[in-house]
Protein backbone atom coordinates (compact mmCIF):
# COMPACT_ATOMS: atom_id res chain seq x y z
CA MET A 1 27.07 -22.95 7.84
CA ALA A 2 30.11 -25.06 7.08
CA ALA A 3 32.94 -25.37 9.58
CA PRO A 4 35.98 -23.19 8.78
CA MET A 5 38.64 -25.10 6.89
CA ASN A 6 42.40 -24.81 7.00
CA GLN A 7 44.67 -25.09 3.95
CA GLU A 8 44.40 -28.90 3.82
CA ASN A 9 40.57 -28.72 3.81
CA GLN A 10 40.45 -30.06 7.35
CA PRO A 11 38.09 -28.50 9.91
CA LYS A 12 39.86 -25.98 12.15
CA LYS A 13 40.14 -26.98 15.77
CA THR A 14 38.78 -24.42 18.19
CA PHE A 15 41.04 -23.06 20.86
CA PRO A 16 40.74 -25.44 23.84
CA ILE A 17 40.38 -22.75 26.52
CA SER A 18 36.99 -21.46 27.60
CA THR A 19 37.00 -18.24 29.65
CA ASN A 20 34.30 -16.34 31.52
CA GLN A 21 34.83 -13.13 33.42
CA LYS A 22 32.83 -10.69 35.48
CA SER A 23 33.45 -7.37 37.20
CA VAL A 24 31.27 -6.63 40.21
CA GLU A 25 31.33 -4.53 43.33
CA VAL A 26 31.64 -6.55 46.54
CA ASP A 27 31.06 -4.45 49.66
CA SER A 28 32.18 -1.25 47.86
CA ASN A 29 35.29 -2.91 46.41
CA PRO A 30 35.53 -3.33 42.61
CA THR A 31 36.21 -7.04 42.09
CA ASP A 32 37.31 -8.82 38.92
CA VAL A 33 36.71 -12.56 38.61
CA LEU A 34 37.96 -14.70 35.73
CA CYS A 35 37.55 -18.44 35.21
CA SER A 36 39.46 -20.23 32.44
CA ARG A 37 38.88 -23.91 31.79
CA PHE A 38 41.92 -25.68 30.38
CA GLY A 39 41.96 -29.34 29.42
CA ASP A 40 43.78 -30.35 32.60
CA ARG A 41 42.87 -27.67 35.15
CA LEU A 42 40.73 -24.69 36.08
CA PHE A 43 42.39 -21.27 36.43
CA ILE A 44 40.56 -18.74 38.60
CA VAL A 45 41.62 -15.13 39.20
CA VAL A 46 39.95 -12.96 41.85
CA SER A 47 41.30 -9.45 42.25
CA GLN A 48 40.34 -6.26 44.03
CA TYR A 49 43.77 -4.71 43.32
CA LYS A 50 44.00 -5.35 39.53
CA LYS A 51 46.91 -7.72 40.30
CA LEU A 52 47.30 -11.50 40.48
CA GLY A 53 48.45 -11.66 44.11
CA ASN A 54 48.77 -15.08 45.78
CA LEU A 55 48.88 -18.12 43.51
CA VAL A 56 47.59 -21.34 45.07
CA SER A 57 47.38 -24.83 43.60
CA ILE A 58 44.32 -26.74 44.87
CA THR A 59 43.57 -30.42 44.37
CA ARG A 60 40.46 -32.25 45.46
CA ASP A 61 40.86 -35.29 47.68
CA ASN A 62 38.13 -37.69 48.74
CA VAL A 63 38.20 -38.67 52.38
CA ALA A 64 36.16 -41.61 53.63
CA ASP A 65 34.20 -40.85 56.78
CA ASP A 66 32.71 -43.20 59.39
CA PHE A 67 29.79 -44.07 57.12
CA GLN A 68 32.07 -45.01 54.18
CA SER A 69 30.89 -42.08 52.10
CA ALA A 70 33.40 -39.84 50.42
CA SER A 71 33.58 -36.26 51.65
CA PRO A 72 35.43 -33.72 49.56
CA ALA A 73 38.59 -32.26 51.03
CA PHE A 74 41.11 -29.96 49.41
CA SER A 75 44.89 -29.92 49.45
CA THR A 76 46.43 -26.50 48.92
CA LYS A 77 49.95 -25.44 48.03
CA VAL A 78 51.00 -21.80 47.82
CA LEU A 79 53.09 -21.36 44.69
CA LEU A 80 53.53 -17.60 44.87
CA GLY A 81 52.83 -15.12 47.64
CA ASN A 82 52.15 -15.28 51.35
CA ASP A 83 52.32 -18.88 52.65
CA GLN A 84 50.33 -18.32 55.83
CA PRO A 85 47.55 -20.54 57.26
CA PHE A 86 45.00 -17.81 56.43
CA THR A 87 45.98 -18.01 52.74
CA HIS A 88 45.09 -21.73 52.68
CA VAL A 89 41.78 -21.14 54.51
CA LEU A 90 40.85 -18.28 52.19
CA ALA A 91 41.67 -20.33 49.07
CA LYS A 92 39.55 -23.26 50.25
CA ASN A 93 36.63 -20.98 51.09
CA LEU A 94 36.76 -19.21 47.72
CA ILE A 95 36.37 -22.49 45.82
CA SER A 96 34.11 -24.22 48.35
CA LYS A 97 30.90 -23.90 46.31
CA ILE A 98 32.16 -25.41 43.06
CA THR A 99 32.37 -29.07 42.19
CA VAL A 100 35.25 -29.90 39.92
CA ASP A 101 37.44 -32.95 39.45
CA LYS A 102 40.33 -31.08 37.85
CA PRO A 103 43.08 -29.35 39.85
CA ILE A 104 42.51 -25.62 40.38
CA LEU A 105 45.04 -22.84 40.05
CA LEU A 106 43.68 -19.91 42.08
CA SER A 107 45.09 -16.40 42.10
CA PHE A 108 43.63 -13.85 44.49
CA SER A 109 44.38 -10.39 45.84
CA LEU A 110 41.63 -9.13 48.12
CA LYS A 111 41.14 -5.95 50.13
CA ASP A 112 38.12 -7.38 51.96
CA THR A 113 38.52 -10.87 53.41
CA SER A 114 35.39 -10.82 55.58
CA ALA A 115 33.19 -13.92 55.60
CA LYS A 116 30.42 -12.05 53.77
CA ALA A 117 32.74 -10.87 50.98
CA VAL A 118 34.35 -14.30 50.55
CA SER A 119 30.92 -15.95 50.38
CA THR A 120 29.77 -13.43 47.75
CA ILE A 121 32.90 -14.01 45.66
CA SER A 122 32.50 -17.77 46.02
CA ASN A 123 28.98 -17.48 44.59
CA ILE A 124 30.32 -15.45 41.66
CA ILE A 125 32.93 -18.13 40.98
CA LYS A 126 30.20 -20.79 41.09
CA ASP A 127 28.12 -18.84 38.54
CA LEU A 128 31.08 -18.30 36.20
CA ARG A 129 32.43 -21.82 36.26
């Protein structure tokens, strides 16, 4: 099948955003997870309230340890919402299982912030990415 053409008989460019989403129940809480890959960053939404909630910018830093190997570390900046230490910890734990070189924009609003729920959601994010 031929590629779609525009009026100048040039192939149409596809929209540069790829999105995956999933709705699951995490410890009796309906949870929506969306991952959109833009050219310059990854946008992740995790919601148990059907709202965006906190918006956190996350960048990956490489930190050299004693053995001169690079260990991943993350810098977080709350752009919207509650700028508390727990917000930064929760954001880092939600994205802990994915490997990405692009900055991440993470939005989350969670009813259940237990370690088990966060680990489950982190696995869902890993599968969607």
